[in-house]
């Protein structure tokens, strides 16, 4: 199976299945002498791990990461960094009844047709369990980016319920189980999701990622546009069905006068934008403004309400997916979105340094 790696200079490859003995990844291209410990990675894994509230899967995984290689005396060596997380709370028996059935909304049918086999235990390789390793790799990417670049994400919509952007407070994101920046929306989300869980259903969500402090110049102007790579990064996350940068689809409703991000000279002699409809990227290259990415996550396909499907013998069946599943997989998609943004930016930062730093002296405005 190809397609298990992401990135060019900063590149990581994941391995493992949902109900296998472990999941892991190899991160390559990390510069030497960066300070890195397991706790640096664990802090981010704590945000993604399951079983932290009634609104996520009750699978109990500590997600304790082990660094196997690439670090010596607390610093990176420039060699591949191997990471491993053991699976400790698999319940494969929950999937015995559906091992020959295709779950609607899942990759069961497409995997079966493509490979002639599939791991029915929790989805195997297609499970969101794999995203733990993205978060781990993202923690290393943040080390490459440094402290001046800040990447934060929040859940801004769940089903038909949205936040009030006037109430946006980043400090609230870590104070509730939804990673929600609007404290008034939290009880609304709670009631809404509790009702869906009782009905044996699920719901989708929209996550917004904001990257601040990104320097001007990251990204290439044609096929490796920064926004194109960010879009691909988000689309590789399980259950993501749409991505937009800046105003995204709303830009189609604006006139050219409204959409133009006007520029002026600030009091400090630096270029200043008066708006950010472009989401911090112009012509595929970062503009120095906040990079804003939103992605839509579909409802969790594993639900208790029977859905019509077929089995591998061509017989019509009603499928009920037992087990422990997220009623809204978008909630734990928040730290994963942050990680994929960090990985993409780290990759482009290293590529920019390799091509331009020390060569490009055409700087019109001080940075």
Protein backbone atom coordinates (compact mmCIF):
# COMPACT_ATOMS: atom_id res chain seq x y z
CA UNK A 1 0.00 0.00 0.00
CA UNK A 2 1.52 3.29 -1.12
CA UNK A 3 0.63 6.77 0.07
CA UNK A 4 1.64 6.52 3.73
CA UNK A 5 4.09 9.44 3.67
CA UNK A 6 3.55 13.20 3.63
CA UNK A 7 5.92 16.10 2.99
CA UNK A 8 9.04 16.87 0.97
CA UNK A 9 11.94 17.99 3.19
CA UNK A 10 10.08 17.53 6.46
CA UNK A 11 8.55 14.14 5.77
CA UNK A 12 6.81 11.56 7.92
CA UNK A 13 5.55 8.04 7.31
CA UNK A 14 3.00 6.33 9.54
CA UNK A 15 2.33 2.64 10.08
CA UNK A 16 0.00 0.43 12.10
CA UNK A 17 -3.70 -0.40 12.41
CA UNK A 18 -6.45 0.46 14.86
CA UNK A 19 -6.47 -2.99 16.49
CA UNK A 20 -2.88 -4.02 15.86
CA UNK A 21 -0.26 -4.14 18.61
CA UNK A 22 0.94 -0.58 17.97
CA UNK A 23 0.94 2.45 15.70
CA UNK A 24 4.02 4.45 14.81
CA UNK A 25 5.78 6.81 12.47
CA UNK A 26 9.17 7.82 11.16
CA UNK A 27 9.87 11.55 10.87
CA UNK A 28 12.69 12.48 8.50
CA UNK A 29 14.31 15.77 7.58
CA UNK A 30 14.37 17.20 11.11
CA UNK A 31 17.35 19.54 11.59
CA UNK A 32 19.88 18.51 14.24
CA UNK A 33 20.29 19.99 17.73
CA UNK A 34 16.63 20.81 18.36
CA UNK A 35 15.65 20.08 21.94
CA UNK A 36 13.11 17.24 21.98
CA UNK A 37 11.77 14.93 24.68
CA UNK A 38 8.83 12.55 24.86
CA UNK A 39 6.98 15.03 27.07
CA UNK A 40 7.19 17.65 24.29
CA UNK A 41 5.17 15.27 22.11
CA UNK A 42 2.95 13.91 24.87
CA UNK A 43 1.51 17.34 25.66
CA UNK A 44 -0.16 17.45 22.24
CA UNK A 45 -1.23 13.80 22.29
CA UNK A 46 -3.15 14.47 25.49
CA UNK A 47 -5.49 16.78 23.55
CA UNK A 48 -6.32 14.12 20.95
CA UNK A 49 -6.49 10.93 22.99
CA UNK A 50 -9.87 9.20 23.36
CA UNK A 51 -12.04 8.76 26.43
CA UNK A 52 -11.73 12.27 27.85
CA UNK A 53 -15.45 13.08 27.89
CA UNK A 54 -18.82 11.50 27.13
CA UNK A 55 -18.71 13.25 23.77
CA UNK A 56 -15.86 11.12 22.39
CA UNK A 57 -15.18 7.41 22.04
CA UNK A 58 -14.82 5.62 25.38
CA UNK A 59 -11.87 3.57 24.15
CA UNK A 60 -9.21 4.05 26.85
CA UNK A 61 -5.84 4.58 25.24
CA UNK A 62 -3.09 6.39 27.18
CA UNK A 63 -1.35 7.17 23.87
CA UNK A 64 2.03 7.09 25.60
CA UNK A 65 4.65 7.87 22.96
CA UNK A 66 8.13 6.36 22.85
CA UNK A 67 11.04 7.89 20.97
CA UNK A 68 12.97 5.02 19.38
CA UNK A 69 15.62 6.89 17.40
CA UNK A 70 16.88 10.25 16.17
CA UNK A 71 17.33 11.87 19.61
CA UNK A 72 20.48 11.82 21.74
CA UNK A 73 20.91 13.54 25.09
CA UNK A 74 17.66 15.43 24.62
CA UNK A 75 18.44 16.82 21.17
CA UNK A 76 17.68 15.74 17.62
CA UNK A 77 20.59 14.26 15.70
CA UNK A 78 19.37 14.96 12.16
CA UNK A 79 18.65 11.27 11.60
CA UNK A 80 15.17 9.73 11.25
CA UNK A 81 13.08 10.00 14.40
CA UNK A 82 11.15 6.81 15.15
CA UNK A 83 8.02 7.08 17.31
CA UNK A 84 5.80 4.33 18.70
CA UNK A 85 2.48 4.19 20.57
CA UNK A 86 1.23 0.85 21.82
CA UNK A 87 -2.47 -0.03 21.49
CA UNK A 88 -3.74 -1.27 24.84
CA UNK A 89 -7.57 -1.13 24.73
CA UNK A 90 -8.66 -2.92 21.56
CA UNK A 91 -12.01 -4.74 21.60
CA UNK A 92 -11.94 -6.57 18.30
CA UNK A 93 -14.93 -8.74 19.28
CA UNK A 94 -17.16 -5.69 18.79
CA UNK A 95 -16.62 -6.07 15.04
CA UNK A 96 -17.21 -9.80 14.67
CA UNK A 97 -20.77 -9.39 13.38
CA UNK A 98 -19.78 -7.02 10.58
CA UNK A 99 -16.61 -8.68 9.33
CA UNK A 100 -18.39 -9.70 6.11
CA UNK A 101 -20.52 -6.56 5.79
CA UNK A 102 -19.85 -3.23 4.15
CA UNK A 103 -20.60 -0.39 6.58
CA UNK A 104 -22.27 2.57 4.81
CA UNK A 105 -20.06 5.65 4.81
CA UNK A 106 -16.94 3.62 5.57
CA UNK A 107 -14.04 2.51 3.37
CA UNK A 108 -14.98 -1.18 3.73
CA UNK A 109 -16.24 -1.60 0.18
CA UNK A 110 -13.52 0.41 -1.55
CA UNK A 111 -10.74 -1.33 0.41
CA UNK A 112 -12.24 -4.72 -0.42
CA UNK A 113 -12.51 -3.93 -4.12
CA UNK A 114 -9.02 -2.41 -4.35
CA UNK A 115 -6.97 -4.84 -2.25
CA UNK A 116 -9.14 -7.97 -2.08
CA UNK A 117 -8.86 -7.91 1.71
CA UNK A 118 -9.51 -5.57 4.62
CA UNK A 119 -9.00 -5.34 8.35
CA UNK A 120 -12.57 -5.09 9.65
CA UNK A 121 -11.46 -4.46 13.26
CA UNK A 122 -12.23 -0.78 13.70
CA UNK A 123 -11.34 -0.01 10.11
CA UNK A 124 -7.73 -1.13 10.35
CA UNK A 125 -5.51 1.28 8.47
CA UNK A 126 -8.41 3.60 7.60
CA UNK A 127 -9.21 4.19 11.28
CA UNK A 128 -8.77 7.62 12.82
CA UNK A 129 -6.49 5.87 15.31
CA UNK A 130 -3.71 6.62 12.80
CA UNK A 131 -4.08 10.35 13.44
CA UNK A 132 -2.34 10.02 16.81
CA UNK A 133 0.92 9.71 14.88
CA UNK A 134 0.13 12.86 12.91
CA UNK A 135 -0.21 14.72 16.19
CA UNK A 136 3.13 13.28 17.32
CA UNK A 137 4.83 14.34 14.08
CA UNK A 138 3.14 17.72 14.37
CA UNK A 139 4.73 18.25 17.78
CA UNK A 140 8.16 17.80 16.18
CA UNK A 141 7.16 20.15 13.34
CA UNK A 142 6.42 22.85 15.92
CA UNK A 143 10.00 22.52 17.14
CA UNK A 144 11.18 23.23 13.59
CA UNK A 145 8.89 26.26 13.32
CA UNK A 146 10.02 27.75 16.61
CA UNK A 147 8.12 29.79 19.18
CA UNK A 148 7.35 32.73 16.90
CA UNK A 149 4.86 30.75 14.82
CA UNK A 150 1.69 29.87 16.73
CA UNK A 151 -0.84 27.34 15.44
CA UNK A 152 -4.25 27.12 17.06
CA UNK A 153 -7.53 25.49 16.07
CA UNK A 154 -11.10 25.53 17.31
CA UNK A 155 -14.42 23.86 16.55
CA UNK A 156 -16.69 26.57 15.14
CA UNK A 157 -19.73 24.60 13.96
CA UNK A 158 -21.40 21.32 14.86
CA UNK A 159 -24.24 20.24 12.62
CA UNK A 160 -26.58 23.22 12.41
CA UNK A 161 -25.21 24.88 15.55
CA UNK A 162 -22.58 27.62 15.15
CA UNK A 163 -20.51 29.77 17.47
CA UNK A 164 -20.99 33.52 17.81
CA UNK A 165 -17.73 34.94 16.51
CA UNK A 166 -18.22 38.04 18.63
CA UNK A 167 -17.62 35.78 21.66
CA UNK A 168 -14.36 34.28 20.31
CA UNK A 169 -11.88 33.69 23.13
CA UNK A 170 -8.86 31.46 22.50
CA UNK A 171 -8.49 30.94 26.25
CA UNK A 172 -11.82 29.08 26.27
CA UNK A 173 -10.71 26.42 23.79
CA UNK A 174 -8.97 24.33 26.47
CA UNK A 175 -11.77 24.82 29.00
CA UNK A 176 -14.42 22.62 27.36
CA UNK A 177 -14.58 19.18 25.66
CA UNK A 178 -15.39 20.67 22.24
CA UNK A 179 -12.33 22.92 21.79
CA UNK A 180 -14.91 25.69 21.36
CA UNK A 181 -13.85 29.38 21.53
CA UNK A 182 -17.36 30.59 22.41
CA UNK A 183 -18.39 29.72 26.01
CA UNK A 184 -22.05 30.40 25.23
CA UNK A 185 -22.07 27.75 22.49
CA UNK A 186 -20.78 24.97 24.77
CA UNK A 187 -24.11 24.13 26.50
CA UNK A 188 -25.83 24.27 23.10
CA UNK A 189 -23.34 21.75 21.69
CA UNK A 190 -23.74 19.54 24.77
CA UNK A 191 -27.53 19.33 24.50
CA UNK A 192 -27.39 18.86 20.73
CA UNK A 193 -24.84 16.04 20.83
CA UNK A 194 -26.49 14.27 23.77
CA UNK A 195 -29.71 14.12 21.78
CA UNK A 196 -27.98 12.67 18.74
CA UNK A 197 -26.19 10.04 20.82
CA UNK A 198 -29.49 8.91 22.36
CA UNK A 199 -30.97 8.64 18.87
CA UNK A 200 -28.10 6.37 17.80
CA UNK A 201 -26.78 8.91 15.33
CA UNK A 202 -23.86 11.30 14.87
CA UNK A 203 -23.07 14.71 13.39
CA UNK A 204 -20.39 16.56 11.46
CA UNK A 205 -18.41 19.68 12.33
CA UNK A 206 -16.29 22.54 10.99
CA UNK A 207 -12.84 23.24 12.44
CA UNK A 208 -10.91 26.47 11.93
CA UNK A 209 -7.11 26.56 12.08
CA UNK A 210 -5.28 29.87 12.52
CA UNK A 211 -1.51 30.11 12.01
CA UNK A 212 0.02 33.34 13.34
CA UNK A 213 3.56 34.66 12.94
CA UNK A 214 4.16 32.89 9.62
CA UNK A 215 6.83 34.83 7.68
CA UNK A 216 6.31 36.15 4.17
CA UNK A 217 7.47 33.84 1.38
CA UNK A 218 6.51 30.28 2.29
CA UNK A 219 5.06 28.28 -0.60
CA UNK A 220 5.73 27.99 -4.32
CA UNK A 221 3.59 29.73 -6.94
CA UNK A 222 2.39 26.96 -9.23
CA UNK A 223 1.90 23.30 -8.26
CA UNK A 224 3.25 23.51 -4.71
CA UNK A 225 1.17 26.45 -3.53
CA UNK A 226 1.07 26.72 0.25
CA UNK A 227 -2.72 26.80 0.26
CA UNK A 228 -2.85 23.76 -2.05
CA UNK A 229 -0.57 21.79 0.27
CA UNK A 230 -2.56 22.88 3.33
CA UNK A 231 -5.75 21.79 1.59
CA UNK A 232 -4.23 18.40 0.80
CA UNK A 233 -2.98 18.07 4.38
CA UNK A 234 -6.47 18.63 5.77
CA UNK A 235 -8.13 16.41 3.17
CA UNK A 236 -5.92 13.50 4.24
CA UNK A 237 -7.53 13.59 7.69
CA UNK A 238 -10.22 10.93 8.18
CA UNK A 239 -13.79 12.04 7.36
CA UNK A 240 -12.78 15.47 5.98
CA UNK A 241 -14.89 16.34 2.93
CA UNK A 242 -14.14 20.02 2.33
CA UNK A 243 -11.45 22.68 2.89
CA UNK A 244 -11.40 26.43 2.43
CA UNK A 245 -8.71 29.09 2.84
CA UNK A 246 -9.62 32.57 4.11
CA UNK A 247 -13.09 33.53 2.91
CA UNK A 248 -13.22 30.30 0.92
CA UNK A 249 -16.56 29.74 -0.81
CA UNK A 250 -17.92 33.01 0.57
CA UNK A 251 -15.44 34.82 -1.68
CA UNK A 252 -17.64 33.86 -4.62
CA UNK A 253 -20.33 36.17 -3.21
CA UNK A 254 -18.05 39.21 -2.99
CA UNK A 255 -17.18 41.85 -5.55
CA UNK A 256 -13.57 42.60 -6.44
CA UNK A 257 -13.83 45.83 -4.46
CA UNK A 258 -14.98 43.98 -1.34
CA UNK A 259 -12.53 41.10 -1.66
CA UNK A 260 -9.35 43.13 -2.24
CA UNK A 261 -7.09 43.17 0.82
CA UNK A 262 -5.88 46.76 0.61
CA UNK A 263 -2.32 47.57 1.63
CA UNK A 264 -0.73 50.63 3.21
CA UNK A 265 2.48 51.67 4.91
CA UNK A 266 2.36 51.41 8.66
CA UNK A 267 3.85 53.92 11.09
CA UNK A 268 6.85 51.62 11.59
CA UNK A 269 7.55 51.54 7.86
CA UNK A 270 6.16 48.02 7.45
CA UNK A 271 3.53 46.95 4.95
CA UNK A 272 0.11 46.57 6.55
CA UNK A 273 -3.03 44.84 5.22
CA UNK A 274 -6.42 46.31 6.10
CA UNK A 275 -8.24 42.96 5.77
CA UNK A 276 -7.49 39.26 5.29
CA UNK A 277 -10.01 37.82 2.87
CA UNK A 278 -7.20 35.78 1.27
CA UNK A 279 -6.47 33.91 4.49
CA UNK A 280 -2.80 34.89 4.61
CA UNK A 281 -1.81 33.41 1.24
CA UNK A 282 -1.43 35.23 -2.09
CA UNK A 283 -0.45 33.39 -5.27
CA UNK A 284 0.33 30.31 -3.23
CA UNK A 285 2.84 32.23 -1.06
CA UNK A 286 2.36 33.34 2.55
CA UNK A 287 1.79 37.08 2.95
CA UNK A 288 2.77 37.42 6.60
CA UNK A 289 -0.85 37.66 7.75
CA UNK A 290 -2.61 34.99 9.78
CA UNK A 291 -3.17 31.88 7.69
CA UNK A 292 -6.78 30.78 8.13
CA UNK A 293 -7.91 27.29 7.11
CA UNK A 294 -11.29 25.70 7.72
CA UNK A 295 -12.23 22.08 7.08
CA UNK A 296 -15.52 20.21 7.21
CA UNK A 297 -15.78 16.78 8.83
CA UNK A 298 -18.65 14.47 7.93
CA UNK A 299 -20.75 12.69 10.59
CA UNK A 300 -19.21 9.58 12.12
CA UNK A 301 -20.23 6.63 9.93
CA UNK A 302 -20.24 4.13 12.82
CA UNK A 303 -23.74 4.47 14.31
CA UNK A 304 -26.21 2.22 16.18
CA UNK A 305 -29.15 2.97 13.89
CA UNK A 306 -29.48 0.20 11.27
CA UNK A 307 -28.45 1.22 7.74
CA UNK A 308 -29.03 -0.78 4.57
CA UNK A 309 -26.02 -2.27 2.78
CA UNK A 310 -24.59 -5.45 1.24
CA UNK A 311 -22.23 -8.12 2.49
CA UNK A 312 -19.26 -9.61 0.60
CA UNK A 313 -21.58 -12.30 -0.84
CA UNK A 314 -23.91 -9.74 -2.41
CA UNK A 315 -26.70 -10.24 0.13
CA UNK A 316 -28.67 -7.23 1.34
CA UNK A 317 -28.21 -6.61 5.08
CA UNK A 318 -29.01 -4.08 7.79
CA UNK A 319 -25.75 -2.92 9.35
CA UNK A 320 -25.43 -1.83 12.98
CA UNK A 321 -21.95 -0.78 14.05
CA UNK A 322 -21.32 -1.65 17.69
CA UNK A 323 -18.26 -0.56 19.63
CA UNK A 324 -17.03 2.72 21.03
CA UNK A 325 -17.25 5.56 18.53
CA UNK A 326 -17.13 9.34 18.51
CA UNK A 327 -20.62 10.83 18.05
CA UNK A 328 -18.80 13.77 16.46
CA UNK A 329 -15.37 12.83 15.11
CA UNK A 330 -14.76 16.51 14.39
CA UNK A 331 -14.05 17.17 18.06
CA UNK A 332 -10.81 15.22 18.12
CA UNK A 333 -10.08 16.54 14.63
CA UNK A 334 -9.09 19.88 16.20
CA UNK A 335 -5.60 18.84 17.41
CA UNK A 336 -5.13 16.80 14.23
CA UNK A 337 -5.82 19.88 12.09
CA UNK A 338 -3.26 21.82 14.10
CA UNK A 339 -0.71 19.06 13.58
CA UNK A 340 -1.19 18.86 9.82
CA UNK A 341 -0.87 22.65 9.54
CA UNK A 342 2.37 22.55 11.55
CA UNK A 343 3.76 19.74 9.40
CA UNK A 344 2.95 21.59 6.16
CA UNK A 345 4.44 24.86 7.38
CA UNK A 346 7.59 23.16 8.68
CA UNK A 347 8.07 21.48 5.33
CA UNK A 348 7.69 24.75 3.44
CA UNK A 349 9.92 26.63 5.89
CA UNK A 350 12.76 24.18 5.27
CA UNK A 351 12.18 24.33 1.51
CA UNK A 352 12.20 28.12 1.57
CA UNK A 353 15.46 28.20 3.50
CA UNK A 354 17.04 25.78 1.07
CA UNK A 355 16.13 27.83 -2.00
CA UNK A 356 15.98 31.48 -0.94
CA UNK A 357 17.76 32.34 2.29
CA UNK A 358 21.12 33.91 1.60
CA UNK A 359 20.20 34.38 -2.05
CA UNK A 360 17.21 36.69 -2.07
CA UNK A 361 18.29 40.21 -1.05
CA UNK A 362 15.29 41.92 -2.66
CA UNK A 363 13.57 42.87 0.61
CA UNK A 364 11.58 46.08 0.19
CA UNK A 365 10.07 46.21 3.67
CA UNK A 366 11.70 45.31 7.00
CA UNK A 367 10.44 42.10 8.56
